[in-house]
Structures are given as C-alpha cells and as structure tokens.
Amino acid sequence: MAITRHAERKIVRFAPKQLFDLVADVPRYPEFLPWCTAARVRRKEGPGVEVDELAIGFGPFHEKFVSRVVLTPDDPAGPRILTTGVEGPFKQLASQWHFRPHPDGCEIEFALEFEFRSLILQHTVRVLFAEAVKRMVAAFEARAAQLYGKPASS
C-alpha cells in the first residue's frame, strides 16, 4: 500500500490567530466537521502539546484514533499545528497546518499524509479522498465565517 498525501495553500480573509484557534479547538470538531462523530483532548503533555482522540464515521466505517498535537501559536513565521498519529487504524498519520500573515488575511498551508492498516479502508478512503478534503476545507471556512463573521470581499 502507498501513503496517501495531500497538500494545499489557500488565502482566506481571516487572521492567522483566528484560524489557528479554530483548528486547535479539537473538541468542537463534531459541531461542524463532516464525519467527525466525537473529539476530545485526552491529556496535556505540557505547554502546547496535547494528545487528542477523534472518532470518525462514514457508511459502515467507524474508527477512533489518537494523535499527538504540537501547537505553536507564537511561531515568528506564523502559527503552526503539527499532528502525528499514535494509536488507531493508521499505519502512518501526519498533518501540518501553517497560518502565515498575508495582505488579504492569512495564507493557510495544509499538508496531510496517511496510510491505513486496513487495505479495504485505505482503498475506500483513497477513492473518496478528493471530495472529502473539499468538504472538510469548506467546513473549516464555514466555521470561521460563523465564529468571526463573513470576511469582507475586496
């Protein structure tokens, strides 16, 4: 099996700190993120480091996984969030969010790579992956608009 990777950059009309706070607020994910059925901070390991547990479900697939999350809100180059899978259905799981200041608000750089232990799950997710990412990105944008107001258009 091969690792599935995705990376994207996007400019949005919100402040880097607003988007960092939104993505870092894992327990609120079930309120707006498709397929996320439960989320919690399992424990804090120190300043800016926590272990989070998420449950995802779609169709017949329901899985829980645990990630170690490093939150760097004060990075001089812009806030960052790094996630590494530590338990669950993934052979490998890593993601990175970077929120850079931009004249129009914030440049978001997002990268994700994963490989499931289950061949069936890996192939199922790979087929649906592009659409799933679009829906997740749209959910984060809609949540930002809900929390911070509609961004002004140029």
C-alpha atoms as a PDB file:
ATOM      1  CA  MET A   1       0.000   0.000   0.000  1.00  0.00           C
ATOM      2  CA  ALA A   2       1.147   3.503  -0.704  1.00  0.00           C
ATOM      3  CA  ILE A   3       0.808   6.516   1.539  1.00  0.00           C
ATOM      4  CA  THR A   4      -1.907   8.965   0.529  1.00  0.00           C
ATOM      5  CA  ARG A   5      -0.706  12.590   0.530  1.00  0.00           C
ATOM      6  CA  HIS A   6      -2.449  15.906   0.111  1.00  0.00           C
ATOM      7  CA  ALA A   7      -1.151  19.458   0.317  1.00  0.00           C
ATOM      8  CA  GLU A   8      -2.752  22.774  -0.410  1.00  0.00           C
ATOM      9  CA  ARG A   9      -2.339  26.501   0.078  1.00  0.00           C
ATOM     10  CA  LYS A  10      -5.183  28.933   0.297  1.00  0.00           C
ATOM     11  CA  ILE A  11      -5.620  32.621   1.060  1.00  0.00           C
ATOM     12  CA  VAL A  12      -8.569  33.418   3.326  1.00  0.00           C
ATOM     13  CA  ARG A  13      -9.796  36.716   4.761  1.00  0.00           C
ATOM     14  CA  PHE A  14      -9.335  35.826   8.400  1.00  0.00           C
ATOM     15  CA  ALA A  15      -6.425  36.491  10.756  1.00  0.00           C
ATOM     16  CA  PRO A  16      -3.833  33.722  11.282  1.00  0.00           C
ATOM     17  CA  LYS A  17      -4.619  33.669  15.034  1.00  0.00           C
ATOM     18  CA  GLN A  18      -8.345  33.178  14.348  1.00  0.00           C
ATOM     19  CA  LEU A  19      -7.691  30.199  12.091  1.00  0.00           C
ATOM     20  CA  PHE A  20      -5.109  28.735  14.451  1.00  0.00           C
ATOM     21  CA  ASP A  21      -7.633  28.930  17.310  1.00  0.00           C
ATOM     22  CA  LEU A  22     -10.333  27.297  15.185  1.00  0.00           C
ATOM     23  CA  VAL A  23      -8.134  24.353  14.113  1.00  0.00           C
ATOM     24  CA  ALA A  24      -6.636  23.944  17.603  1.00  0.00           C
ATOM     25  CA  ASP A  25     -10.111  23.645  19.190  1.00  0.00           C
ATOM     26  CA  VAL A  26     -10.382  19.898  18.552  1.00  0.00           C
ATOM     27  CA  PRO A  27     -13.272  19.201  20.994  1.00  0.00           C
ATOM     28  CA  ARG A  28     -15.543  21.402  18.817  1.00  0.00           C
ATOM     29  CA  TYR A  29     -14.890  19.419  15.593  1.00  0.00           C
ATOM     30  CA  PRO A  30     -18.077  17.303  15.827  1.00  0.00           C
ATOM     31  CA  GLU A  31     -20.107  20.538  15.674  1.00  0.00           C
ATOM     32  CA  PHE A  32     -19.018  21.277  12.104  1.00  0.00           C
ATOM     33  CA  LEU A  33     -16.584  18.770  10.603  1.00  0.00           C
ATOM     34  CA  PRO A  34     -18.087  16.100   8.313  1.00  0.00           C
ATOM     35  CA  TRP A  35     -17.620  12.530   9.532  1.00  0.00           C
ATOM     36  CA  CYS A  36     -16.252  13.591  12.928  1.00  0.00           C
ATOM     37  CA  THR A  37     -18.550  11.974  15.484  1.00  0.00           C
ATOM     38  CA  ALA A  38     -16.545  12.678  18.672  1.00  0.00           C
ATOM     39  CA  ALA A  39     -13.391  14.545  19.688  1.00  0.00           C
ATOM     40  CA  ARG A  40     -11.633  15.275  22.942  1.00  0.00           C
ATOM     41  CA  VAL A  41      -8.316  16.242  24.466  1.00  0.00           C
ATOM     42  CA  ARG A  42      -7.192  13.068  26.180  1.00  0.00           C
ATOM     43  CA  ARG A  43      -4.371  14.758  28.094  1.00  0.00           C
ATOM     44  CA  LYS A  44      -1.985  17.709  28.064  1.00  0.00           C
ATOM     45  CA  GLU A  45       1.699  16.792  27.929  1.00  0.00           C
ATOM     46  CA  GLY A  46       3.000  20.286  28.541  1.00  0.00           C
ATOM     47  CA  PRO A  47       2.703  23.783  27.117  1.00  0.00           C
ATOM     48  CA  GLY A  48       1.487  23.477  23.544  1.00  0.00           C
ATOM     49  CA  VAL A  49       1.475  19.668  23.478  1.00  0.00           C
ATOM     50  CA  GLU A  50      -1.642  17.555  23.837  1.00  0.00           C
ATOM     51  CA  VAL A  51      -2.916  14.111  22.972  1.00  0.00           C
ATOM     52  CA  ASP A  52      -6.276  14.221  21.175  1.00  0.00           C
ATOM     53  CA  GLU A  53      -8.757  11.461  20.386  1.00  0.00           C
ATOM     54  CA  LEU A  54     -11.115  11.657  17.411  1.00  0.00           C
ATOM     55  CA  ALA A  55     -13.851   9.325  16.210  1.00  0.00           C
ATOM     56  CA  ILE A  56     -14.791   9.336  12.541  1.00  0.00           C
ATOM     57  CA  GLY A  57     -17.632   7.554  10.826  1.00  0.00           C
ATOM     58  CA  PHE A  58     -18.914   7.234   7.292  1.00  0.00           C
ATOM     59  CA  GLY A  59     -21.054   4.440   5.945  1.00  0.00           C
ATOM     60  CA  PRO A  60     -20.065   1.150   7.566  1.00  0.00           C
ATOM     61  CA  PHE A  61     -16.697   2.536   8.725  1.00  0.00           C
ATOM     62  CA  HIS A  62     -16.341   3.859  12.264  1.00  0.00           C
ATOM     63  CA  GLU A  63     -12.876   4.359  13.716  1.00  0.00           C
ATOM     64  CA  LYS A  64     -11.187   6.110  16.640  1.00  0.00           C
ATOM     65  CA  PHE A  65      -7.659   7.400  16.518  1.00  0.00           C
ATOM     66  CA  VAL A  66      -5.306   9.247  18.818  1.00  0.00           C
ATOM     67  CA  SER A  67      -2.822  11.934  17.779  1.00  0.00           C
ATOM     68  CA  ARG A  68      -0.062  13.870  19.483  1.00  0.00           C
ATOM     69  CA  VAL A  69      -0.567  17.542  18.644  1.00  0.00           C
ATOM     70  CA  VAL A  70       2.082  20.244  18.914  1.00  0.00           C
ATOM     71  CA  LEU A  71       0.588  23.750  18.966  1.00  0.00           C
ATOM     72  CA  THR A  72       2.940  26.635  18.178  1.00  0.00           C
ATOM     73  CA  PRO A  73       0.825  29.802  18.306  1.00  0.00           C
ATOM     74  CA  ASP A  74       3.774  32.203  18.597  1.00  0.00           C
ATOM     75  CA  ASP A  75       5.988  30.969  15.751  1.00  0.00           C
ATOM     76  CA  PRO A  76       7.563  34.104  14.195  1.00  0.00           C
ATOM     77  CA  ALA A  77       6.715  32.764  10.718  1.00  0.00           C
ATOM     78  CA  GLY A  78       3.059  32.275  11.694  1.00  0.00           C
ATOM     79  CA  PRO A  79       1.192  29.868  13.966  1.00  0.00           C
ATOM     80  CA  ARG A  80       1.631  26.121  13.320  1.00  0.00           C
ATOM     81  CA  ILE A  81      -0.053  22.890  14.319  1.00  0.00           C
ATOM     82  CA  LEU A  82       1.746  19.565  13.817  1.00  0.00           C
ATOM     83  CA  THR A  83      -0.086  16.276  14.332  1.00  0.00           C
ATOM     84  CA  THR A  84       1.277  12.733  14.468  1.00  0.00           C
ATOM     85  CA  GLY A  85      -0.860   9.621  14.854  1.00  0.00           C
ATOM     86  CA  VAL A  86      -0.027   7.465  17.876  1.00  0.00           C
ATOM     87  CA  GLU A  87      -2.937   4.959  18.108  1.00  0.00           C
ATOM     88  CA  GLY A  88      -5.671   3.705  15.860  1.00  0.00           C
ATOM     89  CA  PRO A  89      -6.301   2.372  12.365  1.00  0.00           C
ATOM     90  CA  PHE A  90      -3.395   4.229  10.756  1.00  0.00           C
ATOM     91  CA  LYS A  91      -0.027   2.733   9.950  1.00  0.00           C
ATOM     92  CA  GLN A  92       1.066   6.338   9.477  1.00  0.00           C
ATOM     93  CA  LEU A  93      -0.673   9.672  10.062  1.00  0.00           C
ATOM     94  CA  ALA A  94       0.819  13.163   9.992  1.00  0.00           C
ATOM     95  CA  SER A  95      -0.557  16.607   9.283  1.00  0.00           C
ATOM     96  CA  GLN A  96       0.726  20.148   9.388  1.00  0.00           C
ATOM     97  CA  TRP A  97      -1.123  23.457   9.438  1.00  0.00           C
ATOM     98  CA  HIS A  98       0.786  26.712   8.941  1.00  0.00           C
ATOM     99  CA  PHE A  99      -1.025  30.051   9.121  1.00  0.00           C
ATOM    100  CA  ARG A 100       1.038  32.880   7.597  1.00  0.00           C
ATOM    101  CA  PRO A 101       0.064  36.560   7.646  1.00  0.00           C
ATOM    102  CA  HIS A 102      -0.949  37.772   4.176  1.00  0.00           C
ATOM    103  CA  PRO A 103      -2.096  41.207   2.925  1.00  0.00           C
ATOM    104  CA  ASP A 104      -5.551  39.684   2.293  1.00  0.00           C
ATOM    105  CA  GLY A 105      -5.734  37.935   5.688  1.00  0.00           C
ATOM    106  CA  CYS A 106      -3.996  34.592   6.039  1.00  0.00           C
ATOM    107  CA  GLU A 107      -2.230  32.090   3.830  1.00  0.00           C
ATOM    108  CA  ILE A 108      -3.050  28.598   5.044  1.00  0.00           C
ATOM    109  CA  GLU A 109      -0.667  25.812   4.160  1.00  0.00           C
ATOM    110  CA  PHE A 110      -2.037  22.371   4.963  1.00  0.00           C
ATOM    111  CA  ALA A 111      -0.359  19.005   4.402  1.00  0.00           C
ATOM    112  CA  LEU A 112      -1.667  15.556   5.281  1.00  0.00           C
ATOM    113  CA  GLU A 113      -0.312  12.076   4.773  1.00  0.00           C
ATOM    114  CA  PHE A 114      -1.751   8.805   5.950  1.00  0.00           C
ATOM    115  CA  GLU A 115      -1.802   5.086   5.413  1.00  0.00           C
ATOM    116  CA  PHE A 116      -4.418   2.822   6.997  1.00  0.00           C
ATOM    117  CA  ARG A 117      -3.520  -0.623   8.309  1.00  0.00           C
ATOM    118  CA  SER A 118      -6.600  -1.985   6.501  1.00  0.00           C
ATOM    119  CA  LEU A 119      -6.292  -2.327   2.733  1.00  0.00           C
ATOM    120  CA  ILE A 120     -10.075  -2.040   2.344  1.00  0.00           C
ATOM    121  CA  LEU A 121     -10.208   1.188   4.345  1.00  0.00           C
ATOM    122  CA  GLN A 122      -7.179   2.635   2.514  1.00  0.00           C
ATOM    123  CA  HIS A 123      -8.702   1.963  -0.919  1.00  0.00           C
ATOM    124  CA  THR A 124     -12.148   3.223   0.121  1.00  0.00           C
ATOM    125  CA  VAL A 125     -10.747   6.459   1.511  1.00  0.00           C
ATOM    126  CA  ARG A 126      -8.431   6.955  -1.465  1.00  0.00           C
ATOM    127  CA  VAL A 127     -11.414   6.814  -3.848  1.00  0.00           C
ATOM    128  CA  LEU A 128     -13.351   9.379  -1.787  1.00  0.00           C
ATOM    129  CA  PHE A 129     -10.367  11.451  -0.682  1.00  0.00           C
ATOM    130  CA  ALA A 130     -10.544  14.440  -3.048  1.00  0.00           C
ATOM    131  CA  GLU A 131     -14.221  15.041  -2.278  1.00  0.00           C
ATOM    132  CA  ALA A 132     -13.674  14.510   1.447  1.00  0.00           C
ATOM    133  CA  VAL A 133     -10.884  17.112   1.546  1.00  0.00           C
ATOM    134  CA  LYS A 134     -13.053  19.648  -0.320  1.00  0.00           C
ATOM    135  CA  ARG A 135     -15.879  19.139   2.172  1.00  0.00           C
ATOM    136  CA  MET A 136     -13.538  19.412   5.164  1.00  0.00           C
ATOM    137  CA  VAL A 137     -11.926  22.625   3.886  1.00  0.00           C
ATOM    138  CA  ALA A 138     -15.384  24.080   3.200  1.00  0.00           C
ATOM    139  CA  ALA A 139     -16.446  23.104   6.743  1.00  0.00           C
ATOM    140  CA  PHE A 140     -13.483  24.932   8.303  1.00  0.00           C
ATOM    141  CA  GLU A 141     -14.176  28.015   6.160  1.00  0.00           C
ATOM    142  CA  ALA A 142     -17.871  27.993   7.066  1.00  0.00           C
ATOM    143  CA  ARG A 143     -16.966  27.615  10.749  1.00  0.00           C
ATOM    144  CA  ALA A 144     -14.588  30.604  10.517  1.00  0.00           C
ATOM    145  CA  ALA A 145     -17.378  32.694   8.964  1.00  0.00           C
ATOM    146  CA  GLN A 146     -19.777  31.559  11.699  1.00  0.00           C
ATOM    147  CA  LEU A 147     -17.334  32.399  14.514  1.00  0.00           C
ATOM    148  CA  TYR A 148     -15.692  35.543  13.124  1.00  0.00           C
ATOM    149  CA  GLY A 149     -18.233  36.938  10.690  1.00  0.00           C
ATOM    150  CA  LYS A 150     -18.285  36.913   6.933  1.00  0.00           C
ATOM    151  CA  PRO A 151     -14.933  38.166   5.600  1.00  0.00           C
ATOM    152  CA  ALA A 152     -15.095  41.405   3.630  1.00  0.00           C
ATOM    153  CA  SER A 153     -14.727  40.947  -0.114  1.00  0.00           C
ATOM    154  CA  SER A 154     -12.149  43.007  -1.971  1.00  0.00           C
END
